[in-house]
C-alpha atoms as a PDB file:
ATOM      1  CA  MET A   1    -110.945  -8.014 -17.600  1.00  0.00           C
ATOM      2  CA  ASP A   2    -111.489 -11.358 -19.577  1.00  0.00           C
ATOM      3  CA  PRO A   3    -114.120 -13.470 -18.009  1.00  0.00           C
ATOM      4  CA  VAL A   4    -111.868 -16.676 -18.796  1.00  0.00           C
ATOM      5  CA  ALA A   5    -108.433 -15.058 -17.257  1.00  0.00           C
ATOM      6  CA  LEU A   6    -110.307 -13.733 -13.907  1.00  0.00           C
ATOM      7  CA  ILE A   7    -112.228 -17.332 -14.336  1.00  0.00           C
ATOM      8  CA  ALA A   8    -108.337 -19.070 -14.416  1.00  0.00           C
ATOM      9  CA  ILE A   9    -106.836 -16.541 -11.558  1.00  0.00           C
ATOM     10  CA  ILE A  10    -109.403 -17.416  -9.143  1.00  0.00           C
ATOM     11  CA  SER A  11    -108.886 -21.457 -10.105  1.00  0.00           C
ATOM     12  CA  LEU A  12    -105.069 -21.316 -10.142  1.00  0.00           C
ATOM     13  CA  ALA A  13    -105.351 -19.182  -6.204  1.00  0.00           C
ATOM     14  CA  LEU A  14    -107.868 -21.225  -4.826  1.00  0.00           C
ATOM     15  CA  LEU A  15    -105.696 -24.661  -6.034  1.00  0.00           C
ATOM     16  CA  ILE A  16    -102.485 -22.872  -4.419  1.00  0.00           C
ATOM     17  CA  ALA A  17    -104.743 -22.506  -1.220  1.00  0.00           C
ATOM     18  CA  LEU A  18    -105.676 -26.387  -1.542  1.00  0.00           C
ATOM     19  CA  GLY A  19    -102.390 -27.666  -1.718  1.00  0.00           C
ATOM     20  CA  TRP A  20    -101.106 -25.167   0.880  1.00  0.00           C
ATOM     21  CA  LEU A  21    -103.900 -26.894   3.132  1.00  0.00           C
ATOM     22  CA  LEU A  22    -102.640 -30.199   1.984  1.00  0.00           C
ATOM     23  CA  SER A  23     -99.289 -29.552   3.082  1.00  0.00           C
ATOM     24  CA  ARG A  24     -99.832 -28.047   6.645  1.00  0.00           C
ATOM     25  CA  LEU A  25    -102.968 -30.984   7.470  1.00  0.00           C
ATOM     26  CA  VAL A  26    -100.266 -33.452   5.411  1.00  0.00           C
ATOM     27  CA  ALA A  27     -96.668 -32.007   7.855  1.00  0.00           C
ATOM     28  CA  THR A  28     -96.413 -32.768  11.536  1.00  0.00           C
ATOM     29  CA  ARG A  29     -95.214 -29.562  13.058  1.00  0.00           C
ATOM     30  CA  LYS A  30     -92.740 -30.652  16.076  1.00  0.00           C
ATOM     31  CA  VAL A  31     -92.294 -34.049  17.456  1.00  0.00           C
ATOM     32  CA  PHE A  32     -93.426 -33.902  21.636  1.00  0.00           C
ATOM     33  CA  ASP A  33     -91.442 -36.419  23.996  1.00  0.00           C
ATOM     34  CA  VAL A  34     -94.040 -38.195  24.794  1.00  0.00           C
ATOM     35  CA  ASP A  35     -94.731 -37.175  29.525  1.00  0.00           C
ATOM     36  CA  LEU A  36     -97.066 -39.071  31.421  1.00  0.00           C
ATOM     37  CA  ALA A  37     -97.336 -36.670  33.846  1.00  0.00           C
ATOM     38  CA  TRP A  38     -98.423 -34.085  31.266  1.00  0.00           C
ATOM     39  CA  TRP A  39    -100.594 -36.746  29.801  1.00  0.00           C
ATOM     40  CA  ASN A  40    -101.882 -37.932  33.652  1.00  0.00           C
ATOM     41  CA  ALA A  41    -102.294 -34.374  34.674  1.00  0.00           C
ATOM     42  CA  PHE A  42    -104.083 -32.449  30.959  1.00  0.00           C
ATOM     43  CA  ARG A  43    -107.441 -32.046  30.982  1.00  0.00           C
ATOM     44  CA  PRO A  44    -109.558 -29.924  28.165  1.00  0.00           C
ATOM     45  CA  GLU A  45    -110.859 -27.963  30.696  1.00  0.00           C
ATOM     46  CA  ARG A  46    -108.176 -25.635  31.268  1.00  0.00           C
ATOM     47  CA  TYR A  47    -108.579 -23.737  27.697  1.00  0.00           C
ATOM     48  CA  SER A  48    -112.435 -23.225  28.609  1.00  0.00           C
ATOM     49  CA  PRO A  49    -111.226 -19.633  29.202  1.00  0.00           C
ATOM     50  CA  VAL A  50    -111.094 -19.555  25.118  1.00  0.00           C
ATOM     51  CA  LEU A  51    -114.819 -19.536  24.843  1.00  0.00           C
ATOM     52  CA  ARG A  52    -115.746 -16.605  26.870  1.00  0.00           C
ATOM     53  CA  LEU A  53    -111.819 -14.136  26.794  1.00  0.00           C
ATOM     54  CA  LEU A  54    -113.150 -12.101  23.983  1.00  0.00           C
ATOM     55  CA  SER A  55    -117.183 -12.550  24.731  1.00  0.00           C
ATOM     56  CA  PRO A  56    -118.916  -9.050  23.930  1.00  0.00           C
ATOM     57  CA  LYS A  57    -120.731  -8.764  27.468  1.00  0.00           C
ATOM     58  CA  ASP A  58    -117.116  -8.256  29.534  1.00  0.00           C
ATOM     59  CA  PHE A  59    -116.590  -4.549  26.779  1.00  0.00           C
ATOM     60  CA  GLU A  60    -120.278  -3.471  27.123  1.00  0.00           C
ATOM     61  CA  TYR A  61    -119.767  -4.443  31.226  1.00  0.00           C
ATOM     62  CA  ILE A  62    -116.409  -2.402  30.558  1.00  0.00           C
ATOM     63  CA  ALA A  63    -117.382   0.606  28.604  1.00  0.00           C
ATOM     64  CA  SER A  64    -120.990   1.074  31.352  1.00  0.00           C
ATOM     65  CA  LEU A  65    -117.942   1.661  34.000  1.00  0.00           C
ATOM     66  CA  GLU A  66    -117.811   5.084  35.100  1.00  0.00           C
ATOM     67  CA  GLY A  67    -114.571   6.552  34.658  1.00  0.00           C
ATOM     68  CA  CYS A  68    -113.905   4.106  31.893  1.00  0.00           C
ATOM     69  CA  ASP A  69    -112.735   6.192  28.698  1.00  0.00           C
ATOM     70  CA  ARG A  70    -111.871   4.969  25.426  1.00  0.00           C
ATOM     71  CA  ARG A  71    -108.089   4.577  26.047  1.00  0.00           C
ATOM     72  CA  MET A  72    -109.034   2.237  28.899  1.00  0.00           C
ATOM     73  CA  ARG A  73    -111.851   0.920  26.717  1.00  0.00           C
ATOM     74  CA  ALA A  74    -108.787  -0.293  24.051  1.00  0.00           C
ATOM     75  CA  GLU A  75    -105.750  -1.352  26.285  1.00  0.00           C
ATOM     76  CA  PHE A  76    -108.337  -3.936  28.008  1.00  0.00           C
ATOM     77  CA  ARG A  77    -109.585  -5.259  24.198  1.00  0.00           C
ATOM     78  CA  ARG A  78    -105.104  -5.526  23.204  1.00  0.00           C
ATOM     79  CA  ASN A  79    -105.013  -7.605  26.306  1.00  0.00           C
ATOM     80  CA  ARG A  80    -107.705 -10.016  25.484  1.00  0.00           C
ATOM     81  CA  VAL A  81    -106.420 -10.274  22.366  1.00  0.00           C
ATOM     82  CA  VAL A  82    -103.308 -10.589  23.537  1.00  0.00           C
ATOM     83  CA  LEU A  83    -104.484 -13.370  26.398  1.00  0.00           C
ATOM     84  CA  MET A  84    -106.599 -14.743  23.578  1.00  0.00           C
ATOM     85  CA  ARG A  85    -103.258 -15.702  21.723  1.00  0.00           C
ATOM     86  CA  GLN A  86    -101.408 -16.708  24.228  1.00  0.00           C
ATOM     87  CA  TYR A  87    -104.512 -19.764  24.676  1.00  0.00           C
ATOM     88  CA  LEU A  88    -104.724 -20.185  20.997  1.00  0.00           C
ATOM     89  CA  ARG A  89    -100.764 -21.489  21.205  1.00  0.00           C
ATOM     90  CA  GLU A  90    -100.910 -23.722  23.698  1.00  0.00           C
ATOM     91  CA  MET A  91    -103.717 -25.372  22.537  1.00  0.00           C
ATOM     92  CA  ALA A  92    -102.224 -25.820  19.422  1.00  0.00           C
ATOM     93  CA  ALA A  93     -99.243 -27.581  21.634  1.00  0.00           C
ATOM     94  CA  ASP A  94    -101.342 -29.302  23.375  1.00  0.00           C
ATOM     95  CA  PHE A  95    -103.391 -30.520  20.197  1.00  0.00           C
ATOM     96  CA  ASP A  96    -100.131 -31.790  18.859  1.00  0.00           C
ATOM     97  CA  ARG A  97     -98.901 -34.155  21.685  1.00  0.00           C
ATOM     98  CA  LEU A  98    -102.413 -35.011  21.858  1.00  0.00           C
ATOM     99  CA  GLN A  99    -101.689 -35.856  17.949  1.00  0.00           C
ATOM    100  CA  ALA A 100     -98.460 -36.876  19.201  1.00  0.00           C
ATOM    101  CA  LEU A 101     -99.879 -39.526  21.668  1.00  0.00           C
ATOM    102  CA  GLY A 102    -102.555 -41.228  19.516  1.00  0.00           C
ATOM    103  CA  GLN A 103    -100.001 -41.601  17.097  1.00  0.00           C
ATOM    104  CA  LEU A 104     -97.594 -43.885  18.918  1.00  0.00           C
ATOM    105  CA  MET A 105    -100.317 -45.108  20.504  1.00  0.00           C
ATOM    106  CA  VAL A 106    -101.368 -46.783  16.787  1.00  0.00           C
ATOM    107  CA  SER A 107     -97.923 -46.952  15.845  1.00  0.00           C
ATOM    108  CA  ALA A 108     -97.072 -48.947  18.771  1.00  0.00           C
ATOM    109  CA  GLY A 109    -100.471 -51.532  18.273  1.00  0.00           C
ATOM    110  CA  ALA A 110    -102.366 -50.436  20.564  1.00  0.00           C
ATOM    111  CA  ALA A 111    -104.944 -48.521  18.982  1.00  0.00           C
ATOM    112  CA  GLY A 112    -105.852 -49.783  15.758  1.00  0.00           C
ATOM    113  CA  ARG A 113    -107.392 -47.486  12.701  1.00  0.00           C
ATOM    114  CA  GLU A 114    -110.309 -45.350  14.059  1.00  0.00           C
ATOM    115  CA  LEU A 115    -107.874 -44.273  16.474  1.00  0.00           C
ATOM    116  CA  ARG A 116    -105.657 -43.404  13.167  1.00  0.00           C
ATOM    117  CA  GLU A 117    -108.778 -42.480  11.280  1.00  0.00           C
ATOM    118  CA  GLU A 118    -110.482 -39.827  14.517  1.00  0.00           C
ATOM    119  CA  LEU A 119    -106.904 -38.061  14.531  1.00  0.00           C
ATOM    120  CA  PHE A 120    -107.005 -37.033  11.349  1.00  0.00           C
ATOM    121  CA  ARG A 121    -110.764 -35.852  10.981  1.00  0.00           C
ATOM    122  CA  GLN A 122    -109.645 -33.896  14.598  1.00  0.00           C
ATOM    123  CA  LYS A 123    -106.776 -32.271  12.499  1.00  0.00           C
ATOM    124  CA  VAL A 124    -108.650 -30.896   9.450  1.00  0.00           C
ATOM    125  CA  ARG A 125    -110.598 -29.730  12.420  1.00  0.00           C
ATOM    126  CA  PHE A 126    -108.760 -28.581  14.708  1.00  0.00           C
ATOM    127  CA  THR A 127    -107.068 -26.784  11.593  1.00  0.00           C
ATOM    128  CA  LEU A 128    -109.672 -25.536   9.907  1.00  0.00           C
ATOM    129  CA  ALA A 129    -110.785 -24.146  12.897  1.00  0.00           C
ATOM    130  CA  MET A 130    -107.971 -22.490  14.475  1.00  0.00           C
ATOM    131  CA  TRP A 131    -107.308 -20.133  10.780  1.00  0.00           C
ATOM    132  CA  ARG A 132    -110.445 -19.370  11.570  1.00  0.00           C
ATOM    133  CA  ILE A 133    -110.653 -18.142  15.500  1.00  0.00           C
ATOM    134  CA  GLN A 134    -107.573 -16.367  13.592  1.00  0.00           C
ATOM    135  CA  ILE A 135    -109.117 -15.199  11.618  1.00  0.00           C
ATOM    136  CA  GLN A 136    -111.789 -14.091  13.816  1.00  0.00           C
ATOM    137  CA  THR A 137    -109.546 -12.804  16.318  1.00  0.00           C
ATOM    138  CA  LEU A 138    -107.850 -10.025  13.601  1.00  0.00           C
ATOM    139  CA  GLY A 139    -111.568  -9.087  12.902  1.00  0.00           C
ATOM    140  CA  PHE A 140    -111.658  -8.855  16.556  1.00  0.00           C
ATOM    141  CA  GLN A 141    -108.940  -6.507  16.902  1.00  0.00           C
ATOM    142  CA  LEU A 142    -110.197  -4.408  14.120  1.00  0.00           C
ATOM    143  CA  GLY A 143    -113.523  -4.341  15.677  1.00  0.00           C
ATOM    144  CA  ILE A 144    -115.773  -5.866  13.064  1.00  0.00           C
ATOM    145  CA  SER A 145    -116.470  -9.754  14.562  1.00  0.00           C
ATOM    146  CA  GLN A 146    -117.017 -12.060  16.979  1.00  0.00           C
ATOM    147  CA  VAL A 147    -114.725 -14.366  18.432  1.00  0.00           C
ATOM    148  CA  ASP A 148    -115.936 -17.631  18.281  1.00  0.00           C
ATOM    149  CA  ALA A 149    -114.427 -20.530  20.076  1.00  0.00           C
ATOM    150  CA  SER A 150    -116.249 -23.615  20.688  1.00  0.00           C
ATOM    151  CA  ILE A 151    -115.686 -25.845  17.434  1.00  0.00           C
ATOM    152  CA  LEU A 152    -111.542 -25.252  18.729  1.00  0.00           C
ATOM    153  CA  PHE A 153    -112.565 -26.400  22.039  1.00  0.00           C
ATOM    154  CA  GLY A 154    -114.715 -29.339  20.985  1.00  0.00           C
ATOM    155  CA  SER A 155    -111.903 -30.640  18.270  1.00  0.00           C
ATOM    156  CA  LEU A 156    -109.563 -30.756  21.630  1.00  0.00           C
ATOM    157  CA  HIS A 157    -111.813 -32.708  23.965  1.00  0.00           C
ATOM    158  CA  GLY A 158    -113.214 -35.019  20.831  1.00  0.00           C
ATOM    159  CA  LEU A 159    -109.466 -35.468  20.793  1.00  0.00           C
ATOM    160  CA  THR A 160    -108.419 -36.112  24.188  1.00  0.00           C
ATOM    161  CA  ALA A 161    -111.622 -38.088  24.500  1.00  0.00           C
ATOM    162  CA  SER A 162    -110.749 -40.315  21.628  1.00  0.00           C
ATOM    163  CA  VAL A 163    -106.367 -41.102  23.088  1.00  0.00           C
ATOM    164  CA  ARG A 164    -107.874 -41.470  26.611  1.00  0.00           C
ATOM    165  CA  SER A 165    -110.588 -44.312  25.676  1.00  0.00           C
ATOM    166  CA  GLN A 166    -108.073 -46.108  22.947  1.00  0.00           C
ATOM    167  CA  SER A 167    -105.182 -45.814  26.501  1.00  0.00           C
ATOM    168  CA  MET A 168    -107.550 -47.068  29.142  1.00  0.00           C
ATOM    169  CA  ALA A 169    -108.874 -50.042  26.488  1.00  0.00           C
ATOM    170  CA  ALA A 170    -104.955 -50.816  25.705  1.00  0.00           C
ATOM    171  CA  ALA A 171    -104.935 -50.858  29.691  1.00  0.00           C
END
């Protein structure tokens, strides 16, 4: 293949990927009603199991158990991946709720430009981390990679702290 054509194809693919990324960042997924009971009860620590759910230590322990065969290990792996994906869906929904709450605070004038910028930064960070985790989870399922959810968890934690500090300042 001609090197110029190859560069053109790669450039086009990168432009399409960048366009898709920007559209995902700008688009809002689902508008949530702001539920103060949810806000008062929400703690990002609820998602701390994602940090260790696919930990190699658990799988090494299971493999070391007497009577644990290949089928049991595969089922354990599948179940953990299912749990991880459920946590990721819930994390995304809670992240969207936090974003909606932050946007509401900005729209109401209870928070300033700093929060609006922080909302955007955290959305970019969370979105990229979520994609990375999805790819790592697929790789984990195939047995070729490990999963590190610390950036995703950190983004959720950071957004929560930003919204909480702005809500306390507004109160």
